[in-house]
């Protein structure tokens, strides 16, 4: 079983913001290769950020649940790189679209990461 592990420290976030990114209609994915990955356990370092202007806490948490669910599917179906850290920043357009479109977009964006 793969465990989703979120980034904890502010310096981890600021470090990833300076690295590569992929922009789509629904979100922006920042990613960076981890050089000192010592753990043999398969953990996926990923965090989801939704700004307050997107909606109230109920809407933001619903978006996070959708993105975590899609990520769990991606882990099972795609050859994701576990030696990377990911940061997903959701956009306002994610509220107005259905689950299957968001899932298809996220799968294609994760496939672009090399």
PDB file of N, CA and C in Angstrom:
ATOM      1  N   UNK A   1       0.836  -1.188   0.000  1.00  0.00           N
ATOM      2  CA  UNK A   1       0.000   0.000   0.000  1.00  0.00           C
ATOM      3  C   UNK A   1       0.881   1.251   0.000  1.00  0.00           C
ATOM      4  N   UNK A   2       0.505   2.196  -0.793  1.00  0.00           N
ATOM      5  CA  UNK A   2       1.225   3.451  -0.915  1.00  0.00           C
ATOM      6  C   UNK A   2       0.589   4.468   0.026  1.00  0.00           C
ATOM      7  N   UNK A   3       1.431   5.196   0.730  1.00  0.00           N
ATOM      8  CA  UNK A   3       0.938   6.219   1.652  1.00  0.00           C
ATOM      9  C   UNK A   3       1.238   7.601   1.082  1.00  0.00           C
ATOM     10  N   UNK A   4       0.239   8.472   1.089  1.00  0.00           N
ATOM     11  CA  UNK A   4       0.435   9.853   0.682  1.00  0.00           C
ATOM     12  C   UNK A   4       0.981  10.615   1.880  1.00  0.00           C
ATOM     13  N   UNK A   5       2.127  11.222   1.703  1.00  0.00           N
ATOM     14  CA  UNK A   5       2.766  11.949   2.797  1.00  0.00           C
ATOM     15  C   UNK A   5       2.866  13.414   2.382  1.00  0.00           C
ATOM     16  N   UNK A   6       2.369  14.305   3.240  1.00  0.00           N
ATOM     17  CA  UNK A   6       2.381  15.716   2.888  1.00  0.00           C
ATOM     18  C   UNK A   6       3.683  16.379   3.328  1.00  0.00           C
ATOM     19  N   UNK A   7       3.993  17.466   2.657  1.00  0.00           N
ATOM     20  CA  UNK A   7       5.167  18.249   3.019  1.00  0.00           C
ATOM     21  C   UNK A   7       4.857  18.994   4.313  1.00  0.00           C
ATOM     22  N   UNK A   8       5.814  19.089   5.202  1.00  0.00           N
ATOM     23  CA  UNK A   8       5.554  19.643   6.525  1.00  0.00           C
ATOM     24  C   UNK A   8       6.141  21.030   6.742  1.00  0.00           C
ATOM     25  N   UNK A   9       7.336  21.272   6.259  1.00  0.00           N
ATOM     26  CA  UNK A   9       8.052  22.493   6.605  1.00  0.00           C
ATOM     27  C   UNK A   9       7.971  23.537   5.500  1.00  0.00           C
ATOM     28  N   UNK A  10       7.989  24.791   5.902  1.00  0.00           N
ATOM     29  CA  UNK A  10       7.911  25.890   4.950  1.00  0.00           C
ATOM     30  C   UNK A  10       9.074  25.909   3.983  1.00  0.00           C
ATOM     31  N   UNK A  11      10.228  25.474   4.427  1.00  0.00           N
ATOM     32  CA  UNK A  11      11.390  25.477   3.518  1.00  0.00           C
ATOM     33  C   UNK A  11      11.228  24.440   2.420  1.00  0.00           C
ATOM     34  N   UNK A  12      10.499  23.337   2.694  1.00  0.00           N
ATOM     35  CA  UNK A  12      10.226  22.363   1.647  1.00  0.00           C
ATOM     36  C   UNK A  12       9.347  22.975   0.560  1.00  0.00           C
ATOM     37  N   UNK A  13       8.338  23.741   0.979  1.00  0.00           N
ATOM     38  CA  UNK A  13       7.455  24.400   0.018  1.00  0.00           C
ATOM     39  C   UNK A  13       8.221  25.423  -0.813  1.00  0.00           C
ATOM     40  N   UNK A  14       9.009  26.269  -0.154  1.00  0.00           N
ATOM     41  CA  UNK A  14       9.730  27.312  -0.883  1.00  0.00           C
ATOM     42  C   UNK A  14      10.775  26.722  -1.821  1.00  0.00           C
ATOM     43  N   UNK A  15      11.338  25.587  -1.465  1.00  0.00           N
ATOM     44  CA  UNK A  15      12.315  24.915  -2.322  1.00  0.00           C
ATOM     45  C   UNK A  15      11.655  24.379  -3.597  1.00  0.00           C
ATOM     46  N   UNK A  16      10.463  23.801  -3.442  1.00  0.00           N
ATOM     47  CA  UNK A  16       9.759  23.247  -4.595  1.00  0.00           C
ATOM     48  C   UNK A  16       9.242  24.353  -5.511  1.00  0.00           C
ATOM     49  N   UNK A  17       8.827  25.501  -4.942  1.00  0.00           N
ATOM     50  CA  UNK A  17       8.329  26.611  -5.758  1.00  0.00           C
ATOM     51  C   UNK A  17       9.377  27.107  -6.748  1.00  0.00           C
ATOM     52  N   UNK A  18      10.645  26.906  -6.453  1.00  0.00           N
ATOM     53  CA  UNK A  18      11.712  27.384  -7.328  1.00  0.00           C
ATOM     54  C   UNK A  18      12.050  26.393  -8.439  1.00  0.00           C
ATOM     55  N   UNK A  19      11.462  25.210  -8.409  1.00  0.00           N
ATOM     56  CA  UNK A  19      11.782  24.155  -9.376  1.00  0.00           C
ATOM     57  C   UNK A  19      10.784  24.150 -10.527  1.00  0.00           C
ATOM     58  N   UNK A  20      10.693  23.013 -11.204  1.00  0.00           N
ATOM     59  CA  UNK A  20       9.867  22.896 -12.398  1.00  0.00           C
ATOM     60  C   UNK A  20       8.375  22.884 -12.071  1.00  0.00           C
ATOM     61  N   UNK A  21       7.565  23.271 -13.069  1.00  0.00           N
ATOM     62  CA  UNK A  21       6.117  23.257 -12.880  1.00  0.00           C
ATOM     63  C   UNK A  21       5.409  22.927 -14.182  1.00  0.00           C
ATOM     64  N   UNK A  22       4.210  22.401 -14.022  1.00  0.00           N
ATOM     65  CA  UNK A  22       3.320  22.112 -15.144  1.00  0.00           C
ATOM     66  C   UNK A  22       1.998  22.799 -14.838  1.00  0.00           C
ATOM     67  N   UNK A  23       1.504  23.572 -15.806  1.00  0.00           N
ATOM     68  CA  UNK A  23       0.282  24.347 -15.607  1.00  0.00           C
ATOM     69  C   UNK A  23      -0.833  23.748 -16.459  1.00  0.00           C
ATOM     70  N   UNK A  24      -2.004  23.539 -15.848  1.00  0.00           N
ATOM     71  CA  UNK A  24      -3.176  23.075 -16.580  1.00  0.00           C
ATOM     72  C   UNK A  24      -4.348  24.006 -16.265  1.00  0.00           C
ATOM     73  N   UNK A  25      -5.519  23.674 -16.784  1.00  0.00           N
ATOM     74  CA  UNK A  25      -6.699  24.501 -16.548  1.00  0.00           C
ATOM     75  C   UNK A  25      -7.176  24.438 -15.104  1.00  0.00           C
ATOM     76  N   UNK A  26      -6.930  23.307 -14.433  1.00  0.00           N
ATOM     77  CA  UNK A  26      -7.491  23.078 -13.111  1.00  0.00           C
ATOM     78  C   UNK A  26      -6.499  23.273 -11.972  1.00  0.00           C
ATOM     79  N   UNK A  27      -5.227  23.100 -12.241  1.00  0.00           N
ATOM     80  CA  UNK A  27      -4.226  23.179 -11.181  1.00  0.00           C
ATOM     81  C   UNK A  27      -2.842  23.390 -11.767  1.00  0.00           C
ATOM     82  N   UNK A  28      -1.905  23.717 -10.883  1.00  0.00           N
ATOM     83  CA  UNK A  28      -0.494  23.828 -11.225  1.00  0.00           C
ATOM     84  C   UNK A  28       0.257  22.814 -10.382  1.00  0.00           C
ATOM     85  N   UNK A  29       1.109  22.018 -11.012  1.00  0.00           N
ATOM     86  CA  UNK A  29       1.878  21.004 -10.298  1.00  0.00           C
ATOM     87  C   UNK A  29       3.347  21.422 -10.297  1.00  0.00           C
ATOM     88  N   UNK A  30       3.878  21.644  -9.105  1.00  0.00           N
ATOM     89  CA  UNK A  30       5.308  21.884  -8.932  1.00  0.00           C
ATOM     90  C   UNK A  30       5.931  20.561  -8.506  1.00  0.00           C
ATOM     91  N   UNK A  31       7.122  20.270  -9.003  1.00  0.00           N
ATOM     92  CA  UNK A  31       7.762  19.018  -8.618  1.00  0.00           C
ATOM     93  C   UNK A  31       9.271  19.180  -8.578  1.00  0.00           C
ATOM     94  N   UNK A  32       9.877  18.328  -7.749  1.00  0.00           N
ATOM     95  CA  UNK A  32      11.318  18.370  -7.556  1.00  0.00           C
ATOM     96  C   UNK A  32      11.794  16.975  -7.181  1.00  0.00           C
ATOM     97  N   UNK A  33      12.954  16.614  -7.686  1.00  0.00           N
ATOM     98  CA  UNK A  33      13.536  15.310  -7.357  1.00  0.00           C
ATOM     99  C   UNK A  33      14.173  15.367  -5.974  1.00  0.00           C
ATOM    100  N   UNK A  34      13.876  14.357  -5.159  1.00  0.00           N
ATOM    101  CA  UNK A  34      14.487  14.237  -3.833  1.00  0.00           C
ATOM    102  C   UNK A  34      15.835  13.553  -3.979  1.00  0.00           C
ATOM    103  N   UNK A  35      16.870  14.178  -3.502  1.00  0.00           N
ATOM    104  CA  UNK A  35      18.193  13.591  -3.610  1.00  0.00           C
ATOM    105  C   UNK A  35      18.515  12.678  -2.438  1.00  0.00           C
ATOM    106  N   UNK A  36      17.974  12.948  -1.284  1.00  0.00           N
ATOM    107  CA  UNK A  36      18.317  12.167  -0.094  1.00  0.00           C
ATOM    108  C   UNK A  36      17.146  11.297   0.347  1.00  0.00           C
ATOM    109  N   UNK A  37      16.588  10.547  -0.565  1.00  0.00           N
ATOM    110  CA  UNK A  37      15.483   9.639  -0.238  1.00  0.00           C
ATOM    111  C   UNK A  37      16.069   8.365   0.365  1.00  0.00           C
ATOM    112  N   UNK A  38      15.926   8.194   1.679  1.00  0.00           N
ATOM    113  CA  UNK A  38      16.518   7.055   2.374  1.00  0.00           C
ATOM    114  C   UNK A  38      15.489   5.977   2.687  1.00  0.00           C
ATOM    115  N   UNK A  39      14.244   6.324   2.666  1.00  0.00           N
ATOM    116  CA  UNK A  39      13.204   5.392   3.082  1.00  0.00           C
ATOM    117  C   UNK A  39      12.959   4.337   2.011  1.00  0.00           C
ATOM    118  N   UNK A  40      12.859   3.107   2.410  1.00  0.00           N
ATOM    119  CA  UNK A  40      12.543   2.015   1.486  1.00  0.00           C
ATOM    120  C   UNK A  40      11.030   1.833   1.355  1.00  0.00           C
ATOM    121  N   UNK A  41      10.288   2.447   2.284  1.00  0.00           N
ATOM    122  CA  UNK A  41       8.835   2.377   2.227  1.00  0.00           C
ATOM    123  C   UNK A  41       8.364   3.311   1.120  1.00  0.00           C
ATOM    124  N   UNK A  42       7.367   2.850   0.370  1.00  0.00           N
ATOM    125  CA  UNK A  42       6.871   3.670  -0.730  1.00  0.00           C
ATOM    126  C   UNK A  42       5.926   4.740  -0.199  1.00  0.00           C
ATOM    127  N   UNK A  43       6.426   5.944  -0.083  1.00  0.00           N
ATOM    128  CA  UNK A  43       5.628   7.103   0.292  1.00  0.00           C
ATOM    129  C   UNK A  43       5.669   8.091  -0.856  1.00  0.00           C
ATOM    130  N   UNK A  44       4.551   8.703  -1.154  1.00  0.00           N
ATOM    131  CA  UNK A  44       4.494   9.727  -2.174  1.00  0.00           C
ATOM    132  C   UNK A  44       4.403  11.074  -1.472  1.00  0.00           C
ATOM    133  N   UNK A  45       5.429  11.894  -1.625  1.00  0.00           N
ATOM    134  CA  UNK A  45       5.445  13.228  -1.019  1.00  0.00           C
ATOM    135  C   UNK A  45       4.619  14.158  -1.894  1.00  0.00           C
ATOM    136  N   UNK A  46       3.428  14.488  -1.436  1.00  0.00           N
ATOM    137  CA  UNK A  46       2.546  15.360  -2.215  1.00  0.00           C
ATOM    138  C   UNK A  46       1.714  16.205  -1.259  1.00  0.00           C
ATOM    139  N   UNK A  47       1.536  17.470  -1.613  1.00  0.00           N
ATOM    140  CA  UNK A  47       0.688  18.373  -0.838  1.00  0.00           C
ATOM    141  C   UNK A  47      -0.263  19.083  -1.777  1.00  0.00           C
ATOM    142  N   UNK A  48      -1.430  19.396  -1.265  1.00  0.00           N
ATOM    143  CA  UNK A  48      -2.456  20.091  -2.030  1.00  0.00           C
ATOM    144  C   UNK A  48      -2.717  21.438  -1.384  1.00  0.00           C
ATOM    145  N   UNK A  49      -2.726  22.496  -2.200  1.00  0.00           N
ATOM    146  CA  UNK A  49      -2.984  23.845  -1.705  1.00  0.00           C
ATOM    147  C   UNK A  49      -4.181  24.413  -2.458  1.00  0.00           C
ATOM    148  N   UNK A  50      -5.135  24.915  -1.696  1.00  0.00           N
ATOM    149  CA  UNK A  50      -6.286  25.592  -2.269  1.00  0.00           C
ATOM    150  C   UNK A  50      -6.401  26.933  -1.562  1.00  0.00           C
ATOM    151  N   UNK A  51      -6.350  28.013  -2.320  1.00  0.00           N
ATOM    152  CA  UNK A  51      -6.398  29.353  -1.731  1.00  0.00           C
ATOM    153  C   UNK A  51      -7.799  29.678  -1.225  1.00  0.00           C
ATOM    154  N   UNK A  52      -7.871  30.597  -0.284  1.00  0.00           N
ATOM    155  CA  UNK A  52      -9.154  30.966   0.320  1.00  0.00           C
ATOM    156  C   UNK A  52     -10.115  31.606  -0.666  1.00  0.00           C
ATOM    157  N   UNK A  53      -9.599  32.232  -1.705  1.00  0.00           N
ATOM    158  CA  UNK A  53     -10.489  32.890  -2.654  1.00  0.00           C
ATOM    159  C   UNK A  53     -11.267  31.886  -3.507  1.00  0.00           C
ATOM    160  N   UNK A  54     -10.875  30.613  -3.468  1.00  0.00           N
ATOM    161  CA  UNK A  54     -11.588  29.585  -4.221  1.00  0.00           C
ATOM    162  C   UNK A  54     -12.962  29.330  -3.619  1.00  0.00           C
ATOM    163  N   UNK A  55     -13.071  29.374  -2.299  1.00  0.00           N
ATOM    164  CA  UNK A  55     -14.367  29.153  -1.661  1.00  0.00           C
ATOM    165  C   UNK A  55     -14.204  28.997  -0.166  1.00  0.00           C
ATOM    166  N   UNK A  56     -15.322  28.667   0.471  1.00  0.00           N
ATOM    167  CA  UNK A  56     -15.270  28.478   1.917  1.00  0.00           C
ATOM    168  C   UNK A  56     -14.592  27.146   2.248  1.00  0.00           C
ATOM    169  N   UNK A  57     -14.470  26.842   3.526  1.00  0.00           N
ATOM    170  CA  UNK A  57     -13.718  25.661   3.944  1.00  0.00           C
ATOM    171  C   UNK A  57     -14.356  24.362   3.452  1.00  0.00           C
ATOM    172  N   UNK A  58     -15.669  24.328   3.338  1.00  0.00           N
ATOM    173  CA  UNK A  58     -16.354  23.127   2.853  1.00  0.00           C
ATOM    174  C   UNK A  58     -15.947  22.837   1.410  1.00  0.00           C
ATOM    175  N   UNK A  59     -15.954  23.872   0.573  1.00  0.00           N
ATOM    176  CA  UNK A  59     -15.574  23.703  -0.834  1.00  0.00           C
ATOM    177  C   UNK A  59     -14.096  23.337  -0.971  1.00  0.00           C
ATOM    178  N   UNK A  60     -13.245  23.985  -0.187  1.00  0.00           N
ATOM    179  CA  UNK A  60     -11.810  23.695  -0.263  1.00  0.00           C
ATOM    180  C   UNK A  60     -11.513  22.262   0.170  1.00  0.00           C
ATOM    181  N   UNK A  61     -12.163  21.792   1.221  1.00  0.00           N
ATOM    182  CA  UNK A  61     -11.946  20.419   1.668  1.00  0.00           C
ATOM    183  C   UNK A  61     -12.499  19.401   0.672  1.00  0.00           C
ATOM    184  N   UNK A  62     -13.586  19.752   0.002  1.00  0.00           N
ATOM    185  CA  UNK A  62     -14.126  18.865  -1.031  1.00  0.00           C
ATOM    186  C   UNK A  62     -13.138  18.733  -2.187  1.00  0.00           C
ATOM    187  N   UNK A  63     -12.504  19.831  -2.564  1.00  0.00           N
ATOM    188  CA  UNK A  63     -11.503  19.799  -3.621  1.00  0.00           C
ATOM    189  C   UNK A  63     -10.313  18.939  -3.197  1.00  0.00           C
ATOM    190  N   UNK A  64      -9.872  19.092  -1.954  1.00  0.00           N
ATOM    191  CA  UNK A  64      -8.756  18.283  -1.456  1.00  0.00           C
ATOM    192  C   UNK A  64      -9.091  16.801  -1.481  1.00  0.00           C
ATOM    193  N   UNK A  65     -10.309  16.451  -1.087  1.00  0.00           N
ATOM    194  CA  UNK A  65     -10.712  15.043  -1.104  1.00  0.00           C
ATOM    195  C   UNK A  65     -10.722  14.500  -2.526  1.00  0.00           C
ATOM    196  N   UNK A  66     -11.227  15.302  -3.478  1.00  0.00           N
ATOM    197  CA  UNK A  66     -11.220  14.872  -4.877  1.00  0.00           C
ATOM    198  C   UNK A  66      -9.792  14.640  -5.369  1.00  0.00           C
ATOM    199  N   UNK A  67      -8.906  15.593  -5.086  1.00  0.00           N
ATOM    200  CA  UNK A  67      -7.532  15.488  -5.560  1.00  0.00           C
ATOM    201  C   UNK A  67      -6.801  14.308  -4.917  1.00  0.00           C
ATOM    202  N   UNK A  68      -7.048  14.053  -3.636  1.00  0.00           N
ATOM    203  CA  UNK A  68      -6.422  12.897  -2.977  1.00  0.00           C
ATOM    204  C   UNK A  68      -6.932  11.592  -3.568  1.00  0.00           C
ATOM    205  N   UNK A  69      -8.217  11.533  -3.864  1.00  0.00           N
ATOM    206  CA  UNK A  69      -8.798  10.341  -4.469  1.00  0.00           C
ATOM    207  C   UNK A  69      -8.211  10.089  -5.858  1.00  0.00           C
ATOM    208  N   UNK A  70      -8.087  11.141  -6.646  1.00  0.00           N
ATOM    209  CA  UNK A  70      -7.494  11.022  -7.981  1.00  0.00           C
ATOM    210  C   UNK A  70      -6.036  10.586  -7.876  1.00  0.00           C
ATOM    211  N   UNK A  71      -5.320  11.132  -6.904  1.00  0.00           N
ATOM    212  CA  UNK A  71      -3.913  10.766  -6.717  1.00  0.00           C
ATOM    213  C   UNK A  71      -3.778   9.304  -6.326  1.00  0.00           C
ATOM    214  N   UNK A  72      -4.668   8.812  -5.471  1.00  0.00           N
ATOM    215  CA  UNK A  72      -4.639   7.391  -5.116  1.00  0.00           C
ATOM    216  C   UNK A  72      -4.867   6.504  -6.335  1.00  0.00           C
ATOM    217  N   UNK A  73      -5.774   6.913  -7.232  1.00  0.00           N
ATOM    218  CA  UNK A  73      -5.976   6.184  -8.488  1.00  0.00           C
ATOM    219  C   UNK A  73      -4.739   6.254  -9.368  1.00  0.00           C
ATOM    220  N   UNK A  74      -4.102   7.421  -9.412  1.00  0.00           N
ATOM    221  CA  UNK A  74      -2.914   7.596 -10.239  1.00  0.00           C
ATOM    222  C   UNK A  74      -1.774   6.713  -9.754  1.00  0.00           C
ATOM    223  N   UNK A  75      -1.650   6.562  -8.444  1.00  0.00           N
ATOM    224  CA  UNK A  75      -0.594   5.709  -7.886  1.00  0.00           C
ATOM    225  C   UNK A  75      -0.784   4.267  -8.341  1.00  0.00           C
ATOM    226  N   UNK A  76      -2.036   3.822  -8.417  1.00  0.00           N
ATOM    227  CA  UNK A  76      -2.324   2.442  -8.806  1.00  0.00           C
ATOM    228  C   UNK A  76      -2.167   2.215 -10.307  1.00  0.00           C
ATOM    229  N   UNK A  77      -2.476   3.237 -11.125  1.00  0.00           N
ATOM    230  CA  UNK A  77      -2.557   3.029 -12.568  1.00  0.00           C
ATOM    231  C   UNK A  77      -1.391   3.608 -13.360  1.00  0.00           C
ATOM    232  N   UNK A  78      -0.656   4.550 -12.780  1.00  0.00           N
ATOM    233  CA  UNK A  78       0.433   5.198 -13.502  1.00  0.00           C
ATOM    234  C   UNK A  78       1.779   4.856 -12.871  1.00  0.00           C
ATOM    235  N   UNK A  79       2.833   4.880 -13.660  1.00  0.00           N
ATOM    236  CA  UNK A  79       4.177   4.674 -13.078  1.00  0.00           C
ATOM    237  C   UNK A  79       4.715   5.986 -12.494  1.00  0.00           C
ATOM    238  N   UNK A  80       4.161   6.387 -11.352  1.00  0.00           N
ATOM    239  CA  UNK A  80       4.592   7.629 -10.710  1.00  0.00           C
ATOM    240  C   UNK A  80       5.995   7.478 -10.133  1.00  0.00           C
ATOM    241  N   UNK A  81       6.701   8.570 -10.081  1.00  0.00           N
ATOM    242  CA  UNK A  81       8.050   8.584  -9.530  1.00  0.00           C
ATOM    243  C   UNK A  81       7.980   8.922  -8.043  1.00  0.00           C
ATOM    244  N   UNK A  82       8.380   7.977  -7.201  1.00  0.00           N
ATOM    245  CA  UNK A  82       8.310   8.165  -5.760  1.00  0.00           C
ATOM    246  C   UNK A  82       9.516   8.911  -5.214  1.00  0.00           C
ATOM    247  N   UNK A  83      10.501   9.168  -6.061  1.00  0.00           N
ATOM    248  CA  UNK A  83      11.656   9.943  -5.608  1.00  0.00           C
ATOM    249  C   UNK A  83      11.476  11.427  -5.905  1.00  0.00           C
ATOM    250  N   UNK A  84      10.252  11.846  -6.171  1.00  0.00           N
ATOM    251  CA  UNK A  84       9.921  13.251  -6.394  1.00  0.00           C
ATOM    252  C   UNK A  84       9.004  13.746  -5.282  1.00  0.00           C
ATOM    253  N   UNK A  85       9.035  15.055  -5.054  1.00  0.00           N
ATOM    254  CA  UNK A  85       8.059  15.720  -4.195  1.00  0.00           C
ATOM    255  C   UNK A  85       7.159  16.556  -5.091  1.00  0.00           C
ATOM    256  N   UNK A  86       5.863  16.514  -4.830  1.00  0.00           N
ATOM    257  CA  UNK A  86       4.888  17.216  -5.657  1.00  0.00           C
ATOM    258  C   UNK A  86       4.120  18.222  -4.808  1.00  0.00           C
ATOM    259  N   UNK A  87       3.762  19.327  -5.449  1.00  0.00           N
ATOM    260  CA  UNK A  87       2.946  20.346  -4.821  1.00  0.00           C
ATOM    261  C   UNK A  87       1.864  20.723  -5.828  1.00  0.00           C
ATOM    262  N   UNK A  88       0.603  20.481  -5.480  1.00  0.00           N
ATOM    263  CA  UNK A  88      -0.518  20.729  -6.393  1.00  0.00           C
ATOM    264  C   UNK A  88      -1.299  21.916  -5.862  1.00  0.00           C
ATOM    265  N   UNK A  89      -1.386  22.967  -6.679  1.00  0.00           N
ATOM    266  CA  UNK A  89      -2.134  24.165  -6.306  1.00  0.00           C
ATOM    267  C   UNK A  89      -3.376  24.231  -7.194  1.00  0.00           C
ATOM    268  N   UNK A  90      -4.537  24.121  -6.565  1.00  0.00           N
ATOM    269  CA  UNK A  90      -5.804  24.092  -7.300  1.00  0.00           C
ATOM    270  C   UNK A  90      -6.224  25.499  -7.717  1.00  0.00           C
ATOM    271  N   UNK A  91      -6.904  25.567  -8.856  1.00  0.00           N
ATOM    272  CA  UNK A  91      -7.451  26.830  -9.360  1.00  0.00           C
ATOM    273  C   UNK A  91      -8.971  26.836  -9.168  1.00  0.00           C
ATOM    274  N   UNK A  92      -9.571  27.994  -9.345  1.00  0.00           N
ATOM    275  CA  UNK A  92     -11.018  28.142  -9.152  1.00  0.00           C
ATOM    276  C   UNK A  92     -11.832  27.312 -10.141  1.00  0.00           C
ATOM    277  N   UNK A  93     -11.290  27.029 -11.306  1.00  0.00           N
ATOM    278  CA  UNK A  93     -12.033  26.296 -12.334  1.00  0.00           C
ATOM    279  C   UNK A  93     -12.315  24.853 -11.936  1.00  0.00           C
ATOM    280  N   UNK A  94     -11.616  24.371 -10.927  1.00  0.00           N
ATOM    281  CA  UNK A  94     -11.803  22.978 -10.493  1.00  0.00           C
ATOM    282  C   UNK A  94     -13.188  22.763  -9.890  1.00  0.00           C
ATOM    283  N   UNK A  95     -13.802  23.808  -9.346  1.00  0.00           N
ATOM    284  CA  UNK A  95     -15.135  23.700  -8.751  1.00  0.00           C
ATOM    285  C   UNK A  95     -16.224  23.478  -9.790  1.00  0.00           C
ATOM    286  N   UNK A  96     -16.060  24.065 -10.970  1.00  0.00           N
ATOM    287  CA  UNK A  96     -17.118  24.076 -11.971  1.00  0.00           C
ATOM    288  C   UNK A  96     -17.101  22.862 -12.892  1.00  0.00           C
ATOM    289  N   UNK A  97     -16.080  22.016 -12.790  1.00  0.00           N
ATOM    290  CA  UNK A  97     -15.957  20.893 -13.706  1.00  0.00           C
ATOM    291  C   UNK A  97     -16.154  19.561 -12.992  1.00  0.00           C
ATOM    292  N   UNK A  98     -16.451  18.547 -13.798  1.00  0.00           N
ATOM    293  CA  UNK A  98     -16.755  17.247 -13.204  1.00  0.00           C
ATOM    294  C   UNK A  98     -15.484  16.437 -12.925  1.00  0.00           C
ATOM    295  N   UNK A  99     -15.676  15.409 -12.149  1.00  0.00           N
ATOM    296  CA  UNK A  99     -14.588  14.588 -11.632  1.00  0.00           C
ATOM    297  C   UNK A  99     -13.777  13.928 -12.754  1.00  0.00           C
ATOM    298  N   UNK A 100     -14.448  13.417 -13.776  1.00  0.00           N
ATOM    299  CA  UNK A 100     -13.746  12.679 -14.827  1.00  0.00           C
ATOM    300  C   UNK A 100     -12.806  13.584 -15.635  1.00  0.00           C
ATOM    301  N   UNK A 101     -13.213  14.824 -15.889  1.00  0.00           N
ATOM    302  CA  UNK A 101     -12.332  15.756 -16.610  1.00  0.00           C
ATOM    303  C   UNK A 101     -11.094  16.089 -15.784  1.00  0.00           C
ATOM    304  N   UNK A 102     -11.284  16.312 -14.494  1.00  0.00           N
ATOM    305  CA  UNK A 102     -10.161  16.633 -13.608  1.00  0.00           C
ATOM    306  C   UNK A 102      -9.217  15.444 -13.529  1.00  0.00           C
ATOM    307  N   UNK A 103      -9.777  14.243 -13.431  1.00  0.00           N
ATOM    308  CA  UNK A 103      -8.972  13.026 -13.342  1.00  0.00           C
ATOM    309  C   UNK A 103      -8.151  12.820 -14.611  1.00  0.00           C
ATOM    310  N   UNK A 104      -8.784  12.999 -15.762  1.00  0.00           N
ATOM    311  CA  UNK A 104      -8.081  12.830 -17.031  1.00  0.00           C
ATOM    312  C   UNK A 104      -6.939  13.838 -17.154  1.00  0.00           C
ATOM    313  N   UNK A 105      -7.190  15.074 -16.757  1.00  0.00           N
ATOM    314  CA  UNK A 105      -6.159  16.111 -16.816  1.00  0.00           C
ATOM    315  C   UNK A 105      -5.008  15.798 -15.872  1.00  0.00           C
ATOM    316  N   UNK A 106      -5.319  15.357 -14.657  1.00  0.00           N
ATOM    317  CA  UNK A 106      -4.255  15.056 -13.707  1.00  0.00           C
ATOM    318  C   UNK A 106      -3.409  13.875 -14.182  1.00  0.00           C
ATOM    319  N   UNK A 107      -4.035  12.865 -14.768  1.00  0.00           N
ATOM    320  CA  UNK A 107      -3.281  11.722 -15.285  1.00  0.00           C
ATOM    321  C   UNK A 107      -2.324  12.156 -16.394  1.00  0.00           C
ATOM    322  N   UNK A 108      -2.803  13.013 -17.310  1.00  0.00           N
ATOM    323  CA  UNK A 108      -1.914  13.461 -18.388  1.00  0.00           C
ATOM    324  C   UNK A 108      -0.774  14.327 -17.859  1.00  0.00           C
ATOM    325  N   UNK A 109      -1.056  15.142 -16.847  1.00  0.00           N
ATOM    326  CA  UNK A 109       0.005  15.993 -16.283  1.00  0.00           C
ATOM    327  C   UNK A 109       1.060  15.166 -15.546  1.00  0.00           C
ATOM    328  N   UNK A 110       0.640  14.151 -14.802  1.00  0.00           N
ATOM    329  CA  UNK A 110       1.594  13.290 -14.119  1.00  0.00           C
ATOM    330  C   UNK A 110       2.428  12.471 -15.107  1.00  0.00           C
ATOM    331  N   UNK A 111       1.830  12.132 -16.259  1.00  0.00           N
ATOM    332  CA  UNK A 111       2.600  11.414 -17.287  1.00  0.00           C
ATOM    333  C   UNK A 111       3.681  12.274 -17.919  1.00  0.00           C
ATOM    334  N   UNK A 112       3.510  13.597 -17.916  1.00  0.00           N
ATOM    335  CA  UNK A 112       4.499  14.506 -18.491  1.00  0.00           C
ATOM    336  C   UNK A 112       5.755  14.623 -17.658  1.00  0.00           C
ATOM    337  N   UNK A 113       5.671  14.298 -16.369  1.00  0.00           N
ATOM    338  CA  UNK A 113       6.813  14.471 -15.468  1.00  0.00           C
ATOM    339  C   UNK A 113       7.832  13.375 -15.746  1.00  0.00           C
ATOM    340  N   UNK A 114       9.016  13.791 -16.085  1.00  0.00           N
ATOM    341  CA  UNK A 114      10.084  12.829 -16.403  1.00  0.00           C
ATOM    342  C   UNK A 114      11.259  13.037 -15.491  1.00  0.00           C
TER     343      UNK A 114
END
